[in-house]
Each structure stands twice: as C-alpha cells, then as structure tokens.
C-alpha cells in the first residue's frame, strides 16, 4: 500500500467502483492509485492539500472541473516528466494521440516512449493518461473494463 513518509494520505470514493488513494508530503501530491473499494467510509483528511485534492476529485466526477490544479511531485526520466506535464494540462474531454504528446514535448519520434510514460504515471487520474489515445481515436493497451477505459467513456459521454 502507498504511504508517504509522514503518513499523509486519503482515500476518495469514486463512481468507478474503486477508491482513489492519494498520497502527499504536505507540499505536493506524490502518488495516487485506484484501489479496491474499502469498507470504511471516506474520511476528510486533515492536511489542507489532501482536502483540496479530495474536493477536486469530487468536482471532476460531478463534471465541474476542467483540469486538476494541484502541486505534483514528478520523478522520472526527462521524457516521462515532460509527457506527464503536457498531459496534465489537457482539459476534461480533450483527447490527443501519443504522437501529439511526443511532438508537444519536442520529441516527435517518441510516441512509444510517451505510451510507456502514460502506463507508468505515478498519479492516476491527476495525470489523465486516459486522454491519450491512438491515432485511430481508440484507447490502446487497456481493456473495456479497465479504469482507464471507464474514465475515457465518462469523459466522452455527454452529460444528460
């Protein structure tokens, strides 16, 4: 289980049937991951950053948030960090190809590296890898029941 060194984390209920575990160091979001639904009810965290992260996750699933606005700690290769930053700037419902991201970060031939970066993101949901799709407009590397596919569908279906 993910745990920051000083124990700052929270669990946020989502409509996906999984909870989002968010870990912070008090100054930045370190990691987030979708985990199996827990029996315990969601609790409001005491850390101000996690309170804000939780509020933004709720706003996202209520379709009131276009883009997450939180400080993130990103550690990886230069290509990974550049790709994660580029993808984090995408708005709700905005989809791009792996090649688009590669061009945006100045590495036009690195679409496979971008795909690997999306698969390795330490910040599930906050780095919206589900918004990066194949050139044919479809999700690559995820089955129909994956969280990534459900997030893609959630953003593509118009609100009724």
C-alpha atoms as a PDB file:
ATOM      1  CA  UNK A   1       0.000   0.000   0.000  1.00  0.00           C
ATOM      2  CA  UNK A   2       1.252   3.502  -0.790  1.00  0.00           C
ATOM      3  CA  UNK A   3       2.227   5.560   2.238  1.00  0.00           C
ATOM      4  CA  UNK A   4       4.103   8.831   2.375  1.00  0.00           C
ATOM      5  CA  UNK A   5       6.943   9.098   4.855  1.00  0.00           C
ATOM      6  CA  UNK A   6       4.877  11.233   7.201  1.00  0.00           C
ATOM      7  CA  UNK A   7       1.633   9.335   6.673  1.00  0.00           C
ATOM      8  CA  UNK A   8      -0.308  11.966   4.693  1.00  0.00           C
ATOM      9  CA  UNK A   9      -2.828  10.128   2.576  1.00  0.00           C
ATOM     10  CA  UNK A  10      -6.537   9.902   1.964  1.00  0.00           C
ATOM     11  CA  UNK A  11      -8.991   7.607   0.262  1.00  0.00           C
ATOM     12  CA  UNK A  12     -11.604   9.139  -2.037  1.00  0.00           C
ATOM     13  CA  UNK A  13     -14.723   7.297  -3.175  1.00  0.00           C
ATOM     14  CA  UNK A  14     -15.330   7.350  -6.925  1.00  0.00           C
ATOM     15  CA  UNK A  15     -18.259   6.203  -9.052  1.00  0.00           C
ATOM     16  CA  UNK A  16     -15.952   3.699 -10.770  1.00  0.00           C
ATOM     17  CA  UNK A  17     -16.313   1.051  -8.054  1.00  0.00           C
ATOM     18  CA  UNK A  18     -12.766   1.753  -6.901  1.00  0.00           C
ATOM     19  CA  UNK A  19     -11.378   4.261  -4.447  1.00  0.00           C
ATOM     20  CA  UNK A  20      -8.613   6.722  -5.259  1.00  0.00           C
ATOM     21  CA  UNK A  21      -5.756   6.571  -2.772  1.00  0.00           C
ATOM     22  CA  UNK A  22      -3.888   9.900  -2.718  1.00  0.00           C
ATOM     23  CA  UNK A  23      -0.529  10.391  -1.026  1.00  0.00           C
ATOM     24  CA  UNK A  24       1.060  13.749  -0.192  1.00  0.00           C
ATOM     25  CA  UNK A  25       4.106  15.144   1.556  1.00  0.00           C
ATOM     26  CA  UNK A  26       2.119  18.213   2.619  1.00  0.00           C
ATOM     27  CA  UNK A  27       3.547  20.358  -0.189  1.00  0.00           C
ATOM     28  CA  UNK A  28       2.798  18.246  -3.282  1.00  0.00           C
ATOM     29  CA  UNK A  29       0.848  15.178  -4.367  1.00  0.00           C
ATOM     30  CA  UNK A  30       3.352  12.322  -4.547  1.00  0.00           C
ATOM     31  CA  UNK A  31       1.260   9.408  -5.793  1.00  0.00           C
ATOM     32  CA  UNK A  32      -2.286   8.329  -6.457  1.00  0.00           C
ATOM     33  CA  UNK A  33      -3.698   4.969  -7.435  1.00  0.00           C
ATOM     34  CA  UNK A  34      -7.076   3.366  -7.869  1.00  0.00           C
ATOM     35  CA  UNK A  35      -7.521   0.636  -5.267  1.00  0.00           C
ATOM     36  CA  UNK A  36     -10.212  -1.885  -4.420  1.00  0.00           C
ATOM     37  CA  UNK A  37     -13.209  -0.322  -2.709  1.00  0.00           C
ATOM     38  CA  UNK A  38     -12.757  -0.253   1.049  1.00  0.00           C
ATOM     39  CA  UNK A  39     -15.476  -0.911   3.598  1.00  0.00           C
ATOM     40  CA  UNK A  40     -14.515   2.131   5.638  1.00  0.00           C
ATOM     41  CA  UNK A  41     -16.290   5.323   4.689  1.00  0.00           C
ATOM     42  CA  UNK A  42     -14.400   8.143   3.051  1.00  0.00           C
ATOM     43  CA  UNK A  43     -12.873  10.436   5.653  1.00  0.00           C
ATOM     44  CA  UNK A  44     -11.992  14.089   5.270  1.00  0.00           C
ATOM     45  CA  UNK A  45      -8.220  14.403   5.564  1.00  0.00           C
ATOM     46  CA  UNK A  46      -6.674  16.909   7.966  1.00  0.00           C
ATOM     47  CA  UNK A  47      -3.921  18.052   5.554  1.00  0.00           C
ATOM     48  CA  UNK A  48      -5.013  21.129   3.533  1.00  0.00           C
ATOM     49  CA  UNK A  49      -3.520  19.804   0.282  1.00  0.00           C
ATOM     50  CA  UNK A  50      -5.347  16.485   0.582  1.00  0.00           C
ATOM     51  CA  UNK A  51      -8.591  18.306   1.449  1.00  0.00           C
ATOM     52  CA  UNK A  52      -8.203  20.273  -1.782  1.00  0.00           C
ATOM     53  CA  UNK A  53      -7.291  17.159  -3.787  1.00  0.00           C
ATOM     54  CA  UNK A  54     -10.362  15.362  -2.457  1.00  0.00           C
ATOM     55  CA  UNK A  55     -12.580  18.344  -3.350  1.00  0.00           C
ATOM     56  CA  UNK A  56     -11.154  18.455  -6.875  1.00  0.00           C
ATOM     57  CA  UNK A  57     -11.725  14.711  -7.377  1.00  0.00           C
ATOM     58  CA  UNK A  58     -15.374  15.147  -6.334  1.00  0.00           C
ATOM     59  CA  UNK A  59     -15.719  18.157  -8.683  1.00  0.00           C
ATOM     60  CA  UNK A  60     -14.193  16.108 -11.536  1.00  0.00           C
ATOM     61  CA  UNK A  61     -16.729  13.311 -11.139  1.00  0.00           C
ATOM     62  CA  UNK A  62     -19.519  15.905 -10.912  1.00  0.00           C
ATOM     63  CA  UNK A  63     -18.233  17.261 -14.268  1.00  0.00           C
ATOM     64  CA  UNK A  64     -17.466  20.666 -12.718  1.00  0.00           C
ATOM     65  CA  UNK A  65     -13.675  20.514 -13.071  1.00  0.00           C
ATOM     66  CA  UNK A  66     -11.885  21.005 -16.386  1.00  0.00           C
ATOM     67  CA  UNK A  67      -8.338  20.379 -15.130  1.00  0.00           C
ATOM     68  CA  UNK A  68      -6.742  19.491 -11.810  1.00  0.00           C
ATOM     69  CA  UNK A  69      -4.905  22.406 -10.202  1.00  0.00           C
ATOM     70  CA  UNK A  70      -2.656  20.835  -7.586  1.00  0.00           C
ATOM     71  CA  UNK A  71       1.098  20.779  -6.983  1.00  0.00           C
ATOM     72  CA  UNK A  72       2.566  17.471  -8.127  1.00  0.00           C
ATOM     73  CA  UNK A  73       5.937  15.917  -7.378  1.00  0.00           C
ATOM     74  CA  UNK A  74       7.017  14.203 -10.588  1.00  0.00           C
ATOM     75  CA  UNK A  75      10.063  11.985 -10.657  1.00  0.00           C
ATOM     76  CA  UNK A  76      11.063  10.105 -13.787  1.00  0.00           C
ATOM     77  CA  UNK A  77      13.068  10.409 -16.968  1.00  0.00           C
ATOM     78  CA  UNK A  78      13.044  13.782 -18.733  1.00  0.00           C
ATOM     79  CA  UNK A  79      10.670  12.355 -21.371  1.00  0.00           C
ATOM     80  CA  UNK A  80       8.312  10.938 -18.736  1.00  0.00           C
ATOM     81  CA  UNK A  81       8.144  14.183 -16.762  1.00  0.00           C
ATOM     82  CA  UNK A  82       7.632  16.271 -19.915  1.00  0.00           C
ATOM     83  CA  UNK A  83       4.884  13.930 -21.147  1.00  0.00           C
ATOM     84  CA  UNK A  84       3.149  13.885 -17.734  1.00  0.00           C
ATOM     85  CA  UNK A  85       3.209  17.695 -17.551  1.00  0.00           C
ATOM     86  CA  UNK A  86       1.839  18.002 -21.090  1.00  0.00           C
ATOM     87  CA  UNK A  87      -0.975  15.549 -20.414  1.00  0.00           C
ATOM     88  CA  UNK A  88      -1.806  17.182 -17.063  1.00  0.00           C
ATOM     89  CA  UNK A  89      -2.542  20.394 -18.975  1.00  0.00           C
ATOM     90  CA  UNK A  90      -5.318  18.752 -21.026  1.00  0.00           C
ATOM     91  CA  UNK A  91      -8.886  19.705 -20.153  1.00  0.00           C
ATOM     92  CA  UNK A  92     -11.815  17.398 -19.411  1.00  0.00           C
ATOM     93  CA  UNK A  93     -12.895  15.697 -22.656  1.00  0.00           C
ATOM     94  CA  UNK A  94      -9.801  16.806 -24.612  1.00  0.00           C
ATOM     95  CA  UNK A  95      -8.105  13.817 -26.238  1.00  0.00           C
ATOM     96  CA  UNK A  96      -4.773  13.683 -28.039  1.00  0.00           C
ATOM     97  CA  UNK A  97      -2.670  10.967 -29.624  1.00  0.00           C
ATOM     98  CA  UNK A  98       0.637   9.632 -28.333  1.00  0.00           C
ATOM     99  CA  UNK A  99       2.270  11.266 -31.371  1.00  0.00           C
ATOM    100  CA  UNK A 100       0.642  14.626 -30.467  1.00  0.00           C
ATOM    101  CA  UNK A 101       2.190  14.469 -26.999  1.00  0.00           C
ATOM    102  CA  UNK A 102       5.574  13.434 -28.425  1.00  0.00           C
ATOM    103  CA  UNK A 103       5.528  16.450 -30.760  1.00  0.00           C
ATOM    104  CA  UNK A 104       4.379  18.754 -27.932  1.00  0.00           C
ATOM    105  CA  UNK A 105       7.380  17.800 -25.788  1.00  0.00           C
ATOM    106  CA  UNK A 106       9.833  18.223 -28.657  1.00  0.00           C
ATOM    107  CA  UNK A 107      10.414  14.507 -29.269  1.00  0.00           C
ATOM    108  CA  UNK A 108       8.345  13.815 -32.435  1.00  0.00           C
ATOM    109  CA  UNK A 109       9.590  10.244 -32.821  1.00  0.00           C
ATOM    110  CA  UNK A 110       8.984   9.253 -29.201  1.00  0.00           C
ATOM    111  CA  UNK A 111       5.349   8.145 -29.348  1.00  0.00           C
ATOM    112  CA  UNK A 112       6.288   4.750 -27.874  1.00  0.00           C
ATOM    113  CA  UNK A 113       8.139   6.469 -25.035  1.00  0.00           C
ATOM    114  CA  UNK A 114       5.053   8.599 -24.391  1.00  0.00           C
ATOM    115  CA  UNK A 115       2.915   5.444 -24.305  1.00  0.00           C
ATOM    116  CA  UNK A 116       5.295   3.908 -21.771  1.00  0.00           C
ATOM    117  CA  UNK A 117       5.177   7.106 -19.689  1.00  0.00           C
ATOM    118  CA  UNK A 118       1.377   7.020 -19.638  1.00  0.00           C
ATOM    119  CA  UNK A 119       1.495   3.432 -18.416  1.00  0.00           C
ATOM    120  CA  UNK A 120       3.949   4.370 -15.674  1.00  0.00           C
ATOM    121  CA  UNK A 121       2.292   7.515 -14.330  1.00  0.00           C
ATOM    122  CA  UNK A 122       2.523   7.699 -10.535  1.00  0.00           C
ATOM    123  CA  UNK A 123      -0.546   9.961 -10.439  1.00  0.00           C
ATOM    124  CA  UNK A 124      -3.638   8.046 -11.529  1.00  0.00           C
ATOM    125  CA  UNK A 125      -6.431  10.432 -12.584  1.00  0.00           C
ATOM    126  CA  UNK A 126      -4.342  13.579 -11.916  1.00  0.00           C
ATOM    127  CA  UNK A 127      -2.156  12.781 -14.929  1.00  0.00           C
ATOM    128  CA  UNK A 128      -5.071  11.854 -17.204  1.00  0.00           C
ATOM    129  CA  UNK A 129      -3.456   9.096 -19.270  1.00  0.00           C
ATOM    130  CA  UNK A 130      -6.969   8.123 -20.404  1.00  0.00           C
ATOM    131  CA  UNK A 131      -6.956  11.284 -22.558  1.00  0.00           C
ATOM    132  CA  UNK A 132      -4.034   9.982 -24.619  1.00  0.00           C
ATOM    133  CA  UNK A 133      -5.302   7.670 -27.326  1.00  0.00           C
ATOM    134  CA  UNK A 134      -4.175   6.004 -30.509  1.00  0.00           C
ATOM    135  CA  UNK A 135      -4.093   7.856 -33.819  1.00  0.00           C
ATOM    136  CA  UNK A 136      -7.273   5.943 -34.725  1.00  0.00           C
ATOM    137  CA  UNK A 137      -9.157   7.577 -31.820  1.00  0.00           C
ATOM    138  CA  UNK A 138      -9.295   4.470 -29.642  1.00  0.00           C
ATOM    139  CA  UNK A 139      -7.788   3.592 -26.283  1.00  0.00           C
ATOM    140  CA  UNK A 140      -4.691   1.452 -26.608  1.00  0.00           C
ATOM    141  CA  UNK A 141      -3.381  -1.029 -24.061  1.00  0.00           C
ATOM    142  CA  UNK A 142      -6.499  -1.191 -21.889  1.00  0.00           C
ATOM    143  CA  UNK A 143      -9.493  -3.494 -21.957  1.00  0.00           C
ATOM    144  CA  UNK A 144     -13.092  -2.222 -21.874  1.00  0.00           C
ATOM    145  CA  UNK A 145     -13.448  -2.816 -18.135  1.00  0.00           C
ATOM    146  CA  UNK A 146     -10.229  -1.065 -17.069  1.00  0.00           C
ATOM    147  CA  UNK A 147     -10.352   2.143 -15.041  1.00  0.00           C
ATOM    148  CA  UNK A 148      -8.675   3.915 -17.942  1.00  0.00           C
ATOM    149  CA  UNK A 149     -11.398   2.809 -20.351  1.00  0.00           C
ATOM    150  CA  UNK A 150     -14.125   3.816 -17.887  1.00  0.00           C
ATOM    151  CA  UNK A 151     -12.586   7.281 -17.446  1.00  0.00           C
ATOM    152  CA  UNK A 152     -12.334   7.644 -21.235  1.00  0.00           C
ATOM    153  CA  UNK A 153     -16.013   6.701 -21.589  1.00  0.00           C
ATOM    154  CA  UNK A 154     -17.010   9.008 -18.709  1.00  0.00           C
ATOM    155  CA  UNK A 155     -15.453  11.996 -20.447  1.00  0.00           C
ATOM    156  CA  UNK A 156     -16.767  11.104 -23.906  1.00  0.00           C
ATOM    157  CA  UNK A 157     -20.400  10.624 -22.896  1.00  0.00           C
ATOM    158  CA  UNK A 158     -22.264  13.930 -22.831  1.00  0.00           C
ATOM    159  CA  UNK A 159     -23.983  14.854 -19.576  1.00  0.00           C
ATOM    160  CA  UNK A 160     -27.712  14.230 -19.670  1.00  0.00           C
END
